[in-house]
C-alpha atoms as a PDB file:
ATOM      1  CA  MET A   1       0.000   0.000   0.000  1.00  0.00           C
ATOM      2  CA  LYS A   2       1.439   3.338  -1.108  1.00  0.00           C
ATOM      3  CA  ILE A   3       1.058   6.419   0.918  1.00  0.00           C
ATOM      4  CA  GLY A   4       0.077   9.410  -1.221  1.00  0.00           C
ATOM      5  CA  LEU A   5       2.328  11.716   0.712  1.00  0.00           C
ATOM      6  CA  PHE A   6       5.567  10.054  -0.421  1.00  0.00           C
ATOM      7  CA  ARG A   7       4.794   9.541  -4.096  1.00  0.00           C
ATOM      8  CA  ARG A   8       7.486  10.589  -6.495  1.00  0.00           C
ATOM      9  CA  ARG A   9       6.556  13.414  -8.764  1.00  0.00           C
ATOM     10  CA  ARG A  10       7.206  13.193 -12.444  1.00  0.00           C
ATOM     11  CA  SER A  11      10.147  15.325 -13.423  1.00  0.00           C
ATOM     12  CA  ALA A  12       9.307  18.464 -15.290  1.00  0.00           C
ATOM     13  CA  GLY A  13      10.451  17.849 -18.833  1.00  0.00           C
ATOM     14  CA  PRO A  14      10.803  20.386 -21.592  1.00  0.00           C
ATOM     15  CA  ASP A  15       7.872  22.703 -22.059  1.00  0.00           C
ATOM     16  CA  PHE A  16       6.897  23.004 -25.713  1.00  0.00           C
ATOM     17  CA  LYS A  17       3.992  25.367 -25.244  1.00  0.00           C
ATOM     18  CA  ARG A  18       3.778  28.308 -27.581  1.00  0.00           C
ATOM     19  CA  LYS A  19       5.138  31.322 -25.740  1.00  0.00           C
ATOM     20  CA  MET A  20       4.027  34.886 -26.285  1.00  0.00           C
ATOM     21  CA  PRO A  21       6.644  37.169 -27.820  1.00  0.00           C
ATOM     22  CA  SER A  22       8.380  39.628 -25.540  1.00  0.00           C
ATOM     23  CA  LYS A  23       6.746  43.068 -25.704  1.00  0.00           C
ATOM     24  CA  LYS A  24      10.018  44.788 -24.913  1.00  0.00           C
ATOM     25  CA  GLY A  25      11.643  42.795 -27.698  1.00  0.00           C
ATOM     26  CA  ILE A  26       9.019  44.003 -30.159  1.00  0.00           C
ATOM     27  CA  VAL A  27       9.622  47.598 -29.028  1.00  0.00           C
ATOM     28  CA  SER A  28      13.346  47.019 -29.530  1.00  0.00           C
ATOM     29  CA  CYS A  29      12.751  45.828 -33.108  1.00  0.00           C
ATOM     30  CA  ILE A  30      10.585  48.881 -33.794  1.00  0.00           C
ATOM     31  CA  PHE A  31      13.375  51.153 -32.541  1.00  0.00           C
ATOM     32  CA  ALA A  32      15.834  49.298 -34.777  1.00  0.00           C
ATOM     33  CA  LEU A  33      13.622  49.778 -37.827  1.00  0.00           C
ATOM     34  CA  LEU A  34      13.168  53.476 -37.020  1.00  0.00           C
ATOM     35  CA  ALA A  35      16.929  53.878 -36.634  1.00  0.00           C
ATOM     36  CA  VAL A  36      17.549  52.161 -39.982  1.00  0.00           C
ATOM     37  CA  ALA A  37      14.929  54.408 -41.624  1.00  0.00           C
ATOM     38  CA  LEU A  38      16.565  57.536 -40.176  1.00  0.00           C
ATOM     39  CA  PHE A  39      19.965  56.339 -41.375  1.00  0.00           C
ATOM     40  CA  ILE A  40      18.636  55.732 -44.902  1.00  0.00           C
ATOM     41  CA  ILE A  41      17.023  59.182 -44.948  1.00  0.00           C
ATOM     42  CA  ALA A  42      20.269  60.776 -43.767  1.00  0.00           C
ATOM     43  CA  SER A  43      22.280  58.892 -46.386  1.00  0.00           C
ATOM     44  CA  THR A  44      19.989  59.924 -49.234  1.00  0.00           C
ATOM     45  CA  MET A  45      19.969  63.540 -48.015  1.00  0.00           C
ATOM     46  CA  SER A  46      23.752  63.547 -47.938  1.00  0.00           C
ATOM     47  CA  ALA A  47      23.962  62.034 -51.415  1.00  0.00           C
ATOM     48  CA  ASN A  48      21.402  64.457 -52.898  1.00  0.00           C
ATOM     49  CA  MET A  49      23.142  67.493 -51.394  1.00  0.00           C
ATOM     50  CA  GLU A  50      26.548  66.185 -52.495  1.00  0.00           C
ATOM     51  CA  GLY A  51      27.911  66.043 -48.942  1.00  0.00           C
ATOM     52  CA  LYS A  52      27.010  69.608 -47.992  1.00  0.00           C
ATOM     53  CA  ALA A  53      24.154  68.858 -45.596  1.00  0.00           C
ATOM     54  CA  ALA A  54      26.057  69.003 -42.323  1.00  0.00           C
ATOM     55  CA  GLU A  55      23.523  69.763 -39.573  1.00  0.00           C
ATOM     56  CA  PRO A  56      20.453  67.867 -40.835  1.00  0.00           C
ATOM     57  CA  VAL A  57      22.408  64.720 -41.632  1.00  0.00           C
ATOM     58  CA  GLY A  58      24.351  64.924 -38.376  1.00  0.00           C
ATOM     59  CA  SER A  59      21.229  65.336 -36.283  1.00  0.00           C
ATOM     60  CA  LEU A  60      19.560  62.403 -38.027  1.00  0.00           C
ATOM     61  CA  GLY A  61      22.671  60.293 -37.435  1.00  0.00           C
ATOM     62  CA  ILE A  62      22.812  61.179 -33.734  1.00  0.00           C
ATOM     63  CA  SER A  63      19.070  60.498 -33.410  1.00  0.00           C
ATOM     64  CA  SER A  64      19.573  57.139 -35.076  1.00  0.00           C
ATOM     65  CA  ALA A  65      22.391  56.282 -32.656  1.00  0.00           C
ATOM     66  CA  MET A  66      20.237  57.257 -29.665  1.00  0.00           C
ATOM     67  CA  LEU A  67      17.396  55.066 -30.945  1.00  0.00           C
ATOM     68  CA  CYS A  68      19.874  52.197 -31.226  1.00  0.00           C
ATOM     69  CA  ILE A  69      20.990  52.649 -27.621  1.00  0.00           C
ATOM     70  CA  ILE A  70      17.400  52.771 -26.369  1.00  0.00           C
ATOM     71  CA  GLY A  71      16.607  49.713 -28.494  1.00  0.00           C
ATOM     72  CA  LEU A  72      19.542  47.824 -26.980  1.00  0.00           C
ATOM     73  CA  VAL A  73      18.274  48.619 -23.479  1.00  0.00           C
ATOM     74  CA  TYR A  74      14.786  47.343 -24.335  1.00  0.00           C
ATOM     75  CA  ALA A  75      16.223  44.228 -25.973  1.00  0.00           C
ATOM     76  CA  HIS A  76      18.330  43.504 -22.904  1.00  0.00           C
ATOM     77  CA  GLU A  77      15.277  43.814 -20.677  1.00  0.00           C
ATOM     78  CA  GLY A  78      13.343  41.584 -23.086  1.00  0.00           C
ATOM     79  CA  VAL A  79      15.969  38.850 -22.842  1.00  0.00           C
ATOM     80  CA  LYS A  80      15.751  38.937 -19.042  1.00  0.00           C
ATOM     81  CA  GLU A  81      11.978  38.269 -19.066  1.00  0.00           C
ATOM     82  CA  ARG A  82      10.715  34.809 -18.152  1.00  0.00           C
ATOM     83  CA  GLU A  83       8.248  32.604 -20.032  1.00  0.00           C
ATOM     84  CA  VAL A  84       8.364  34.573 -23.290  1.00  0.00           C
ATOM     85  CA  GLY A  85       9.702  33.951 -26.765  1.00  0.00           C
ATOM     86  CA  TYR A  86      13.196  35.363 -27.293  1.00  0.00           C
ATOM     87  CA  LEU A  87      13.130  35.863 -31.064  1.00  0.00           C
ATOM     88  CA  PHE A  88      12.357  39.591 -31.059  1.00  0.00           C
ATOM     89  CA  PRO A  89      14.850  40.584 -28.337  1.00  0.00           C
ATOM     90  CA  VAL A  90      17.624  38.735 -30.161  1.00  0.00           C
ATOM     91  CA  ILE A  91      16.716  40.385 -33.473  1.00  0.00           C
ATOM     92  CA  GLY A  92      16.642  43.742 -31.662  1.00  0.00           C
ATOM     93  CA  ILE A  93      20.081  43.167 -30.139  1.00  0.00           C
ATOM     94  CA  VAL A  94      21.579  42.194 -33.496  1.00  0.00           C
ATOM     95  CA  LEU A  95      20.028  45.033 -35.520  1.00  0.00           C
ATOM     96  CA  ASN A  96      20.583  47.757 -32.943  1.00  0.00           C
ATOM     97  CA  GLY A  97      24.088  46.566 -32.144  1.00  0.00           C
ATOM     98  CA  LEU A  98      25.237  46.338 -35.751  1.00  0.00           C
ATOM     99  CA  LEU A  99      23.795  49.713 -36.684  1.00  0.00           C
ATOM    100  CA  LEU A 100      25.272  51.351 -33.587  1.00  0.00           C
ATOM    101  CA  VAL A 101      28.719  49.924 -34.337  1.00  0.00           C
ATOM    102  CA  TYR A 102      28.446  51.108 -37.939  1.00  0.00           C
ATOM    103  CA  LEU A 103      27.322  54.596 -36.882  1.00  0.00           C
ATOM    104  CA  LEU A 104      30.174  54.882 -34.390  1.00  0.00           C
ATOM    105  CA  TRP A 105      32.633  53.712 -37.049  1.00  0.00           C
ATOM    106  CA  LEU A 106      31.221  56.288 -39.471  1.00  0.00           C
ATOM    107  CA  TYR A 107      31.525  59.005 -36.830  1.00  0.00           C
ATOM    108  CA  VAL A 108      35.161  58.143 -36.083  1.00  0.00           C
ATOM    109  CA  TYR A 109      35.938  57.836 -39.792  1.00  0.00           C
ATOM    110  CA  GLY A 110      34.489  61.319 -40.307  1.00  0.00           C
ATOM    111  CA  LEU A 111      36.786  62.746 -37.647  1.00  0.00           C
ATOM    112  CA  ILE A 112      39.902  61.419 -39.368  1.00  0.00           C
END
């Protein structure tokens, strides 16, 4: 006769339930797309004005870099969440990180 108090529990195996995407990760991806759009606008403005659009292009570039930093913060918070899908935070980290590195490289290259 088994006593119900001392029964072994089944071990918790992998959980294959569909998880909701991280909201902070989605916000991070939106910031990345906005930063890419600002960078494309700044690049086309610079090309159309033959490199003589200093302030507007610079302000768009700095705004794009700030959006990347904010997006990285949101993506980091999205990765720390529990019981959510991690696809969007990872995409946000990759996009924001790559664009931020490229913008910083472009800034340093412009100083030389």
